């Protein structure tokens, strides 16, 4: 999404959807069936937006996370979020958005690549260094995978929660999950790469 800002103040979810549609020119679909299950009703759902320098995607995430019912001022029973499906922006519960799964290959080897130590000239030393380097990379990859499990809200198969999963192939992560989960993973990887470059 673009860096266009959202309007500031309290407004209905329907009004927010209209504004986002005007800015993005994308169709907005509100999944009221799922939102009703979470305790929200059409015409009775308020969101609070605040001015910020964040892009629209992040601003919309934060705004939907703070949605509440005007009838009892109660938040929904589960988080509200959005996703992009077939060119439309869908607003629903996180569980509703998780029904769709896609596979994405992430090149992550750059996050733990390091150069072999200098001064190694004989073949035995080189092999030992390569073996140590490979072991170190495998250990780091496993630790990084566990960090994703801990930090990204998903139904990870390895944790016995669902069908989201991470596989490894040729220094890459092959992750099968809902698009909303991939968005969180991409944000996390961007943060790690920024920190990696500052080393």
Protein backbone atom coordinates (compact mmCIF):
# COMPACT_ATOMS: atom_id res chain seq x y z
CA UNK A 1 0.00 0.00 0.00
CA UNK A 2 1.03 3.61 -0.49
CA UNK A 3 2.18 6.07 2.15
CA UNK A 4 -1.12 7.98 2.02
CA UNK A 5 -2.36 8.81 5.51
CA UNK A 6 -5.66 7.90 7.12
CA UNK A 7 -8.02 10.55 8.52
CA UNK A 8 -7.63 11.32 12.21
CA UNK A 9 -10.40 10.82 14.77
CA UNK A 10 -13.23 8.43 15.63
CA UNK A 11 -15.38 7.14 12.77
CA UNK A 12 -17.43 4.16 11.76
CA UNK A 13 -15.78 1.16 10.13
CA UNK A 14 -17.90 1.77 7.02
CA UNK A 15 -16.66 5.38 6.75
CA UNK A 16 -13.07 4.25 7.14
CA UNK A 17 -13.60 1.68 4.37
CA UNK A 18 -14.98 4.39 2.08
CA UNK A 19 -11.97 6.61 2.74
CA UNK A 20 -9.48 3.81 2.07
CA UNK A 21 -11.33 2.94 -1.12
CA UNK A 22 -11.12 6.55 -2.31
CA UNK A 23 -7.37 6.65 -1.63
CA UNK A 24 -6.43 3.26 -3.05
CA UNK A 25 -9.09 2.88 -5.78
CA UNK A 26 -9.40 -0.73 -4.58
CA UNK A 27 -12.67 -2.45 -3.68
CA UNK A 28 -13.16 -2.80 0.08
CA UNK A 29 -14.96 -5.90 1.34
CA UNK A 30 -16.08 -6.00 4.98
CA UNK A 31 -16.65 -9.59 6.10
CA UNK A 32 -19.57 -8.88 8.42
CA UNK A 33 -20.30 -12.59 8.91
CA UNK A 34 -16.95 -13.01 10.65
CA UNK A 35 -17.12 -9.65 12.40
CA UNK A 36 -20.54 -10.48 13.86
CA UNK A 37 -19.08 -13.68 15.32
CA UNK A 38 -16.48 -11.46 17.01
CA UNK A 39 -19.19 -9.18 18.46
CA UNK A 40 -19.23 -6.32 15.94
CA UNK A 41 -22.30 -5.13 14.01
CA UNK A 42 -22.79 -2.92 10.91
CA UNK A 43 -23.37 0.69 11.91
CA UNK A 44 -22.21 -0.05 15.46
CA UNK A 45 -18.46 -0.40 15.00
CA UNK A 46 -16.13 2.51 15.69
CA UNK A 47 -12.43 2.83 14.89
CA UNK A 48 -9.97 5.40 16.17
CA UNK A 49 -7.35 6.71 13.76
CA UNK A 50 -4.41 8.86 14.70
CA UNK A 51 -2.13 10.91 12.42
CA UNK A 52 1.18 9.15 11.82
CA UNK A 53 4.06 8.97 9.38
CA UNK A 54 3.59 5.23 8.88
CA UNK A 55 2.39 3.91 5.55
CA UNK A 56 -1.28 3.15 5.05
CA UNK A 57 -0.91 -0.60 5.55
CA UNK A 58 0.59 -0.16 9.01
CA UNK A 59 -1.86 2.60 9.88
CA UNK A 60 -4.81 0.46 8.81
CA UNK A 61 -3.51 -2.49 10.85
CA UNK A 62 -3.27 -0.36 13.99
CA UNK A 63 -6.66 1.23 13.38
CA UNK A 64 -8.46 -2.10 12.92
CA UNK A 65 -6.71 -3.53 15.97
CA UNK A 66 -8.43 -0.83 18.05
CA UNK A 67 -11.95 -1.38 16.65
CA UNK A 68 -14.76 -1.51 19.21
CA UNK A 69 -18.54 -1.79 19.41
CA UNK A 70 -20.41 1.48 19.95
CA UNK A 71 -23.18 -0.45 21.71
CA UNK A 72 -21.10 -1.54 24.70
CA UNK A 73 -17.65 -0.04 23.99
CA UNK A 74 -16.26 -3.56 24.05
CA UNK A 75 -13.46 -4.68 21.72
CA UNK A 76 -14.15 -7.68 19.46
CA UNK A 77 -13.56 -11.16 20.85
CA UNK A 78 -10.67 -11.64 18.41
CA UNK A 79 -8.41 -9.25 16.48
CA UNK A 80 -9.66 -7.51 13.33
CA UNK A 81 -7.27 -7.22 10.41
CA UNK A 82 -7.15 -6.86 6.63
CA UNK A 83 -5.72 -8.67 3.65
CA UNK A 84 -5.56 -8.17 -0.11
CA UNK A 85 -7.33 -10.84 -2.14
CA UNK A 86 -7.71 -10.67 -5.92
CA UNK A 87 -7.20 -6.93 -5.93
CA UNK A 88 -9.71 -6.25 -3.14
CA UNK A 89 -8.98 -5.24 0.45
CA UNK A 90 -10.81 -7.62 2.78
CA UNK A 91 -11.51 -6.62 6.39
CA UNK A 92 -12.21 -9.60 8.63
CA UNK A 93 -11.05 -11.39 11.76
CA UNK A 94 -7.53 -12.84 11.79
CA UNK A 95 -8.97 -16.35 11.91
CA UNK A 96 -11.12 -15.58 8.88
CA UNK A 97 -8.13 -14.29 6.93
CA UNK A 98 -6.04 -17.31 7.88
CA UNK A 99 -8.27 -19.66 5.91
CA UNK A 100 -6.35 -18.88 2.72
CA UNK A 101 -2.77 -20.15 2.52
CA UNK A 102 0.00 -19.38 0.05
CA UNK A 103 3.60 -20.56 -0.24
CA UNK A 104 6.40 -17.99 -0.36
CA UNK A 105 10.14 -18.62 -0.72
CA UNK A 106 12.28 -16.27 1.39
CA UNK A 107 15.97 -15.86 0.65
CA UNK A 108 17.32 -15.56 4.18
CA UNK A 109 20.88 -16.83 3.81
CA UNK A 110 22.19 -13.24 3.73
CA UNK A 111 21.16 -12.79 7.36
CA UNK A 112 23.79 -15.20 8.61
CA UNK A 113 26.40 -15.28 5.82
CA UNK A 114 29.94 -14.55 6.93
CA UNK A 115 33.30 -14.74 5.21
CA UNK A 116 35.75 -17.57 6.03
CA UNK A 117 38.56 -16.55 8.33
CA UNK A 118 41.71 -15.23 6.69
CA UNK A 119 45.06 -17.00 6.87
CA UNK A 120 43.80 -20.52 6.08
CA UNK A 121 45.81 -21.88 3.15
CA UNK A 122 46.05 -25.67 3.41
CA UNK A 123 43.25 -27.87 2.12
CA UNK A 124 42.62 -29.60 5.47
CA UNK A 125 42.25 -26.24 7.19
CA UNK A 126 39.90 -25.03 4.50
CA UNK A 127 37.71 -28.11 4.83
CA UNK A 128 37.60 -27.71 8.59
CA UNK A 129 36.68 -24.05 8.23
CA UNK A 130 33.96 -24.89 5.71
CA UNK A 131 32.56 -27.62 7.95
CA UNK A 132 32.52 -25.22 10.91
CA UNK A 133 30.95 -22.51 8.77
CA UNK A 134 28.21 -24.85 7.51
CA UNK A 135 27.45 -26.04 11.04
CA UNK A 136 27.27 -22.45 12.24
CA UNK A 137 24.88 -21.52 9.42
CA UNK A 138 22.61 -24.49 10.18
CA UNK A 139 22.52 -23.60 13.85
CA UNK A 140 21.73 -19.97 13.11
CA UNK A 141 19.01 -20.94 10.61
CA UNK A 142 17.34 -23.11 13.25
CA UNK A 143 17.50 -20.32 15.83
CA UNK A 144 16.06 -17.85 13.33
CA UNK A 145 13.24 -20.25 12.50
CA UNK A 146 12.37 -20.56 16.19
CA UNK A 147 12.39 -16.76 16.43
CA UNK A 148 9.78 -16.57 13.66
CA UNK A 149 7.68 -19.15 15.50
CA UNK A 150 7.89 -17.03 18.67
CA UNK A 151 7.41 -13.56 17.15
CA UNK A 152 4.93 -14.05 14.29
CA UNK A 153 1.30 -14.68 15.23
CA UNK A 154 0.38 -17.77 13.19
CA UNK A 155 -0.92 -21.30 13.63
CA UNK A 156 2.42 -23.06 13.31
CA UNK A 157 2.30 -26.76 12.55
CA UNK A 158 5.49 -27.42 14.51
CA UNK A 159 3.82 -25.99 17.61
CA UNK A 160 0.78 -28.24 17.08
CA UNK A 161 -1.51 -25.28 16.37
CA UNK A 162 -2.46 -25.55 12.70
CA UNK A 163 -1.09 -25.89 9.18
CA UNK A 164 1.27 -22.89 8.84
CA UNK A 165 4.79 -24.26 8.41
CA UNK A 166 8.41 -23.43 7.62
CA UNK A 167 10.62 -25.67 5.50
CA UNK A 168 14.25 -25.11 4.50
CA UNK A 169 15.68 -25.50 1.01
CA UNK A 170 19.11 -24.47 -0.25
CA UNK A 171 19.58 -21.68 2.28
CA UNK A 172 16.02 -20.42 1.91
CA UNK A 173 12.88 -20.65 4.00
CA UNK A 174 9.81 -22.02 2.24
CA UNK A 175 6.89 -20.76 4.31
CA UNK A 176 3.27 -21.80 3.85
CA UNK A 177 0.85 -19.50 5.67
CA UNK A 178 -1.90 -16.94 5.21
CA UNK A 179 -1.01 -13.71 3.38
CA UNK A 180 -1.54 -11.76 6.60
CA UNK A 181 1.16 -13.90 8.24
CA UNK A 182 3.53 -13.33 5.31
CA UNK A 183 3.10 -9.58 5.78
CA UNK A 184 4.29 -9.91 9.39
CA UNK A 185 7.22 -12.09 8.31
CA UNK A 186 8.28 -9.62 5.62
CA UNK A 187 8.21 -6.78 8.14
CA UNK A 188 10.29 -8.84 10.57
CA UNK A 189 12.88 -9.71 7.90
CA UNK A 190 13.14 -6.04 6.89
CA UNK A 191 13.91 -5.10 10.49
CA UNK A 192 16.56 -7.81 10.76
CA UNK A 193 18.20 -6.76 7.48
CA UNK A 194 18.31 -3.15 8.63
CA UNK A 195 20.01 -4.23 11.85
CA UNK A 196 22.35 -6.58 9.90
CA UNK A 197 23.52 -3.72 7.64
CA UNK A 198 24.33 -1.50 10.63
CA UNK A 199 26.78 -4.03 12.07
